[in-house]
Protein backbone atom coordinates (compact mmCIF):
# COMPACT_ATOMS: atom_id res chain seq x y z
CA MET A 1 -3.51 -91.49 -40.69
CA CYS A 2 -2.41 -91.31 -36.83
CA GLY A 3 0.80 -90.57 -35.35
CA ILE A 4 3.46 -92.82 -33.05
CA VAL A 5 6.23 -91.45 -31.50
CA GLY A 6 8.26 -93.16 -28.59
CA LEU A 7 11.15 -92.20 -26.59
CA TYR A 8 13.51 -94.48 -24.42
CA LEU A 9 16.34 -93.23 -22.52
CA LYS A 10 19.30 -95.42 -22.10
CA ASN A 11 21.21 -92.66 -20.40
CA PRO A 12 19.91 -91.96 -16.78
CA GLU A 13 21.18 -88.40 -16.91
CA LEU A 14 18.56 -87.69 -19.36
CA GLU A 15 15.63 -88.97 -17.28
CA PRO A 16 14.63 -85.52 -15.96
CA ARG A 17 14.35 -84.10 -19.38
CA LEU A 18 11.95 -86.95 -20.32
CA GLY A 19 9.10 -84.75 -21.24
CA GLU A 20 11.12 -81.70 -22.60
CA LEU A 21 12.31 -83.95 -25.05
CA PHE A 22 9.19 -86.16 -25.69
CA CYS A 23 6.74 -83.38 -26.28
CA PRO A 24 8.05 -82.02 -29.80
CA MET A 25 8.14 -85.59 -30.83
CA LEU A 26 4.37 -85.47 -30.40
CA ALA A 27 3.58 -82.09 -31.51
CA GLU A 28 5.07 -82.58 -34.61
CA MET A 29 2.78 -85.71 -34.93
CA THR A 30 -0.31 -83.31 -34.77
CA ASP A 31 -1.59 -83.01 -38.59
CA ARG A 32 -1.56 -87.07 -38.52
CA GLY A 33 -4.14 -87.16 -35.60
CA PRO A 34 -5.42 -83.48 -34.37
CA ASP A 35 -8.75 -84.93 -32.57
CA SER A 36 -7.18 -86.37 -29.70
CA ALA A 37 -3.97 -87.49 -28.05
CA GLY A 38 -2.57 -89.40 -24.98
CA ILE A 39 0.65 -89.99 -23.47
CA ALA A 40 2.08 -92.99 -21.55
CA VAL A 41 4.89 -91.97 -18.98
CA TYR A 42 7.00 -94.67 -17.36
CA ARG A 43 8.34 -93.35 -13.84
CA ASP A 44 8.95 -95.18 -10.43
CA ASP A 45 7.42 -93.66 -7.33
CA GLY A 46 9.19 -95.95 -4.99
CA GLU A 47 6.64 -95.33 -2.11
CA TYR A 48 3.79 -97.05 -3.08
CA LYS A 49 3.42 -100.76 -4.59
CA SER A 50 0.92 -99.81 -7.26
CA LYS A 51 -0.55 -96.79 -8.99
CA MET A 52 -3.44 -96.22 -11.18
CA THR A 53 -4.16 -93.29 -13.40
CA VAL A 54 -8.15 -92.76 -13.47
CA TYR A 55 -10.39 -90.15 -15.56
CA SER A 56 -13.92 -88.40 -14.68
CA SER A 57 -15.94 -86.61 -17.16
CA ASP A 58 -17.09 -84.63 -14.22
CA PRO A 59 -14.15 -81.61 -13.70
CA GLU A 60 -15.33 -81.38 -9.99
CA PHE A 61 -15.44 -85.17 -9.18
CA ASP A 62 -13.96 -85.74 -5.52
CA TRP A 63 -10.85 -87.77 -5.97
CA ASP A 64 -9.93 -87.26 -2.15
CA GLY A 65 -13.46 -88.59 -1.25
CA LEU A 66 -13.18 -91.80 -3.61
CA ALA A 67 -9.36 -92.90 -2.40
CA ALA A 68 -10.79 -92.21 1.41
CA GLU A 69 -13.44 -94.65 0.52
CA ALA A 70 -11.17 -97.12 -1.37
CA GLY A 71 -9.01 -96.75 1.71
CA ARG A 72 -11.79 -97.88 4.23
CA ASP A 73 -12.68 -100.79 1.89
CA LEU A 74 -9.56 -102.33 0.74
CA GLY A 75 -7.80 -102.19 4.06
CA THR A 76 -5.01 -99.98 3.13
CA PRO A 77 -4.48 -95.93 2.55
CA VAL A 78 -5.12 -94.69 -0.79
CA THR A 79 -4.15 -91.20 -1.78
CA ALA A 80 -5.34 -88.98 -5.01
CA ASP A 81 -3.54 -86.32 -6.77
CA ARG A 82 -5.53 -84.64 -9.22
CA VAL A 83 -3.95 -84.23 -12.87
CA SER A 84 -6.59 -81.84 -14.81
CA THR A 85 -9.11 -84.53 -15.95
CA HIS A 86 -7.13 -87.40 -14.69
CA ALA A 87 -6.13 -88.30 -10.80
CA ILE A 88 -3.13 -90.62 -9.63
CA LEU A 89 -4.45 -93.30 -7.30
CA ARG A 90 -1.63 -94.39 -5.22
CA SER A 91 -1.92 -97.55 -2.78
CA ASP A 92 -0.09 -100.93 -1.22
CA ALA A 93 -3.27 -102.86 -2.57
CA SER A 94 -2.81 -104.51 -5.79
CA THR A 95 -3.68 -103.36 -8.98
CA ARG A 96 -6.05 -106.15 -9.29
CA ASP A 97 -7.92 -105.21 -6.14
CA LEU A 98 -7.96 -101.17 -6.56
CA ARG A 99 -9.27 -101.75 -10.19
CA ALA A 100 -11.71 -104.14 -9.04
CA TRP A 101 -13.24 -102.27 -6.08
CA LEU A 102 -13.32 -99.07 -8.97
CA GLN A 103 -15.39 -100.83 -11.17
CA ASP A 104 -17.33 -102.11 -8.72
CA SER A 105 -18.17 -98.96 -6.65
CA TYR A 106 -17.67 -96.12 -9.34
CA PRO A 107 -18.24 -97.41 -12.50
CA GLU A 108 -18.65 -94.39 -14.26
CA VAL A 109 -14.95 -93.71 -13.30
CA ARG A 110 -12.25 -94.79 -16.15
CA ALA A 111 -9.12 -96.77 -15.35
CA MET A 112 -6.70 -95.33 -18.16
CA SER A 113 -3.50 -97.18 -16.81
CA ALA A 114 -2.36 -99.59 -13.87
CA GLY A 115 0.77 -100.71 -12.61
CA GLY A 116 3.74 -99.71 -10.62
CA ALA A 117 5.61 -97.34 -13.08
CA LEU A 118 3.25 -96.47 -15.64
CA GLU A 119 0.88 -93.19 -15.97
CA ILE A 120 -1.63 -92.70 -19.09
CA TYR A 121 -2.94 -89.11 -19.98
CA LYS A 122 -4.92 -89.15 -23.17
CA GLU A 123 -7.78 -86.31 -23.91
CA VAL A 124 -9.89 -84.82 -26.98
CA GLY A 125 -8.11 -81.86 -28.26
CA LEU A 126 -5.03 -81.12 -30.21
CA PRO A 127 -1.68 -82.53 -29.03
CA VAL A 128 0.02 -79.53 -27.90
CA ASP A 129 -3.10 -78.19 -26.06
CA VAL A 130 -3.24 -82.10 -24.33
CA MET A 131 0.43 -81.89 -23.12
CA GLU A 132 -0.08 -78.49 -21.73
CA GLN A 133 -3.23 -79.86 -20.00
CA PHE A 134 -1.34 -82.69 -18.07
CA GLY A 135 2.16 -80.66 -17.77
CA ILE A 136 4.13 -83.06 -19.63
CA GLY A 137 7.08 -81.39 -20.37
CA ALA A 138 8.01 -80.95 -17.20
CA MET A 139 7.35 -84.61 -16.15
CA ASN A 140 10.58 -87.21 -15.64
CA GLY A 141 10.83 -90.84 -16.38
CA THR A 142 12.99 -93.34 -17.85
CA HIS A 143 10.51 -93.73 -21.17
CA ALA A 144 7.48 -92.27 -22.69
CA ILE A 145 5.06 -92.93 -25.96
CA GLY A 146 2.51 -91.21 -27.41
CA HIS A 147 -0.22 -91.38 -30.12
CA THR A 148 -2.04 -88.36 -31.98
CA ARG A 149 -5.57 -89.72 -33.49
CA MET A 150 -7.67 -89.28 -36.23
CA ALA A 151 -10.45 -91.11 -35.87
CA THR A 152 -11.87 -93.21 -38.44
CA GLU A 153 -13.65 -96.17 -37.01
CA SER A 154 -15.16 -95.00 -33.71
CA ALA A 155 -15.81 -91.91 -31.83
CA VAL A 156 -13.76 -89.00 -30.71
CA THR A 157 -13.68 -89.51 -26.99
CA THR A 158 -11.45 -89.47 -24.42
CA GLU A 159 -11.49 -93.19 -23.62
CA GLY A 160 -10.83 -93.82 -27.35
CA ALA A 161 -7.64 -92.26 -27.26
CA HIS A 162 -4.63 -93.94 -27.28
CA PRO A 163 -2.66 -95.41 -25.54
CA PHE A 164 -4.65 -98.57 -24.05
CA ASN A 165 -3.64 -100.19 -20.92
CA THR A 166 -4.75 -103.91 -20.26
CA GLY A 167 -2.53 -105.29 -17.85
CA ASP A 168 -0.38 -104.03 -15.18
CA ASP A 169 2.27 -101.71 -16.63
CA LEU A 170 1.60 -102.77 -20.53
CA CYS A 171 0.39 -99.98 -22.98
CA LEU A 172 0.06 -99.88 -26.78
CA VAL A 173 -0.39 -97.69 -29.42
CA HIS A 174 -1.45 -98.36 -32.92
CA ASN A 175 -1.13 -96.95 -36.38
CA GLY A 176 -3.27 -98.98 -38.75
CA SER A 177 -6.43 -101.36 -38.79
CA LEU A 178 -7.12 -104.80 -37.47
CA SER A 179 -9.95 -106.80 -39.66
CA ASN A 180 -10.65 -109.25 -36.55
CA HIS A 181 -11.07 -107.55 -33.54
CA HIS A 182 -14.74 -108.06 -33.05
CA ARG A 183 -14.40 -111.73 -33.07
CA LEU A 184 -11.08 -111.72 -30.96
CA ARG A 185 -12.41 -109.17 -28.65
CA GLU A 186 -15.61 -112.05 -28.01
CA TRP A 187 -12.90 -114.45 -27.56
CA LEU A 188 -10.66 -112.73 -25.38
CA ARG A 189 -13.58 -111.39 -22.86
CA ARG A 190 -15.16 -115.21 -22.80
CA HIS A 191 -11.88 -117.26 -22.57
CA ALA A 192 -9.51 -114.67 -20.92
CA GLY A 193 -11.31 -112.71 -18.95
CA MET A 194 -10.52 -109.51 -20.62
CA VAL A 195 -12.59 -106.08 -19.52
CA PHE A 196 -12.95 -103.64 -22.44
CA GLN A 197 -13.99 -100.35 -21.81
CA THR A 198 -14.17 -99.18 -25.40
CA GLN A 199 -14.49 -100.34 -29.43
CA ASN A 200 -11.38 -99.34 -30.61
CA ASP A 201 -9.61 -102.01 -32.06
CA SER A 202 -6.30 -101.06 -30.70
CA GLU A 203 -7.62 -102.09 -26.91
CA VAL A 204 -8.20 -105.47 -28.31
CA ALA A 205 -4.61 -105.56 -29.51
CA ALA A 206 -3.30 -104.56 -25.88
CA ALA A 207 -5.87 -107.21 -23.98
CA TYR A 208 -4.46 -110.09 -26.35
CA LEU A 209 -0.76 -109.15 -25.66
CA THR A 210 -1.85 -109.05 -21.77
CA TRP A 211 -3.42 -112.50 -22.23
CA ARG A 212 -0.25 -113.87 -23.86
CA LEU A 213 1.68 -112.44 -21.37
CA ARG A 214 -0.65 -114.43 -18.30
CA GLU A 215 -0.25 -117.27 -20.52
CA GLY A 216 3.54 -117.24 -19.91
CA ASP A 217 4.93 -115.58 -22.89
CA THR A 218 7.81 -112.99 -23.12
CA LEU A 219 7.26 -109.76 -24.93
CA SER A 220 8.70 -110.35 -27.91
CA GLN A 221 6.70 -114.02 -27.96
CA ALA A 222 3.47 -112.73 -27.60
CA LEU A 223 4.58 -109.98 -30.68
CA GLU A 224 5.47 -112.98 -32.75
CA ALA A 225 2.09 -114.73 -31.94
CA ALA A 226 0.50 -111.41 -32.81
CA LEU A 227 1.88 -111.48 -36.21
CA LYS A 228 -0.27 -114.71 -36.72
CA ASP A 229 -3.14 -113.93 -35.24
CA LEU A 230 -4.04 -110.39 -35.43
CA ASP A 231 -5.29 -109.62 -39.07
CA GLY A 232 -5.03 -106.30 -41.07
CA PHE A 233 -2.27 -103.25 -41.43
CA TYR A 234 -0.26 -101.72 -38.18
CA THR A 235 2.61 -100.74 -36.39
CA PHE A 236 2.67 -101.08 -32.60
CA ALA A 237 4.84 -99.40 -29.96
CA VAL A 238 4.45 -101.36 -26.96
CA GLY A 239 5.40 -100.21 -23.64
CA THR A 240 6.44 -102.10 -20.15
CA ARG A 241 7.89 -100.96 -17.13
CA ASP A 242 11.60 -102.08 -18.51
CA GLY A 243 11.30 -100.90 -21.78
CA PHE A 244 9.68 -100.92 -24.89
CA SER A 245 9.17 -102.33 -28.17
CA VAL A 246 8.33 -101.92 -31.89
CA VAL A 247 6.67 -104.44 -34.55
CA ARG A 248 5.07 -103.77 -38.26
CA ASP A 249 2.57 -106.45 -39.88
CA PRO A 250 4.55 -108.46 -42.34
CA ILE A 251 3.37 -106.02 -45.13
CA ALA A 252 4.41 -102.93 -43.25
CA CYS A 253 2.53 -100.09 -45.35
CA LYS A 254 1.93 -98.12 -42.55
CA HIS A 255 4.64 -95.39 -41.94
CA ALA A 256 7.53 -96.12 -39.10
CA ILE A 257 11.23 -94.59 -38.75
CA MET A 258 13.78 -95.49 -35.53
CA ALA A 259 16.68 -93.81 -34.35
CA GLU A 260 19.23 -94.73 -32.01
CA THR A 261 22.33 -93.48 -30.09
CA ASP A 262 24.30 -94.47 -26.79
CA ASP A 263 21.82 -92.05 -24.77
CA TRP A 264 18.56 -92.91 -26.35
CA VAL A 265 16.48 -94.86 -28.83
CA ALA A 266 13.39 -93.53 -30.64
CA ILE A 267 10.65 -94.32 -32.65
CA ALA A 268 8.05 -92.10 -35.19
CA THR A 269 5.77 -92.06 -37.69
CA GLU A 270 7.67 -89.70 -39.67
CA TYR A 271 11.47 -88.52 -38.99
CA ARG A 272 10.41 -85.14 -38.45
CA ALA A 273 9.45 -86.46 -35.37
CA LEU A 274 13.10 -87.00 -34.42
CA ALA A 275 14.96 -84.07 -35.90
CA ARG A 276 15.10 -82.10 -32.53
CA LEU A 277 16.35 -84.71 -30.31
CA PRO A 278 20.19 -84.13 -28.82
CA GLY A 279 22.85 -86.07 -31.28
CA VAL A 280 20.23 -86.99 -34.00
CA ASP A 281 22.65 -86.08 -36.44
CA ALA A 282 25.06 -88.65 -35.52
CA ALA A 283 22.12 -91.31 -34.95
CA ARG A 284 21.87 -94.59 -36.81
CA VAL A 285 18.35 -94.28 -38.61
CA TRP A 286 16.69 -97.24 -40.20
CA GLU A 287 13.30 -98.41 -41.22
CA PRO A 288 12.04 -101.37 -39.10
CA LYS A 289 11.81 -104.23 -41.03
CA PRO A 290 8.29 -106.04 -41.95
CA ALA A 291 6.97 -108.92 -39.42
CA THR A 292 10.25 -108.32 -37.01
CA VAL A 293 10.48 -107.40 -33.02
CA TYR A 294 12.48 -104.81 -32.02
CA SER A 295 12.82 -104.58 -28.16
CA TRP A 296 14.98 -101.98 -25.42
CA GLY A 297 14.88 -102.40 -21.92
CA ARG A 298 17.02 -102.52 -18.68
CA ALA A 299 15.83 -105.97 -18.11
């Protein structure tokens, strides 16, 4: 099952309404994934070079204390803004240094996302409750990707919810199943130095794309390679700082529908998630073809 939605705003005038437009889309996918939900929001802060979304299972966790300690150790100020069970760390330190420091100093804290624009929020529970918990409806931004999960292969946990982020400003949501993810995880761990936080096959797919990008591929090239190297059936929606991409496996048995106007482009597992977007009645609507990469962005 599971449900995917994504919304990329081509018209900058709509950016203050990103959360308002996005939330009804994800709510429509509740019956496809009622156990947990996650949202990736892209918005540039401009004040700091990097930011990281982090999570602790302790509702009283001292994020200000963590930020102060990180600032002392890294030699540059780090700020922390609590958002329910998550927090946003902002700093001029590199995301690589901040992630490494967090892993060494606070291994019990999970890094949900890292980059300059990306923020990921995810939790166990109904999608509408998760979105309300983090105030997604009031958020602005350029684009967002979301996922509702019905766990069939791994435990229902906050960390196991989609999206997954394994490289700066890259995230992935996935509807389907990979058959070779155990072997690929071990290869990426040994040969590419990738670090994994869950047993979810979608995290492996995200790590694979991160590795290909580090090797010099464009995102389109990485997704073309994934069609050969990732065995299984899937629809991927992949976010980057500049936009997002969609690809389905060569059989394309997992549902997907797309729509585009002059103001936005969107993907969903089912059309009903698109039905309330402004101007959808005049949109170009189509089913993405198998083994075909679709991309939009500002670059």
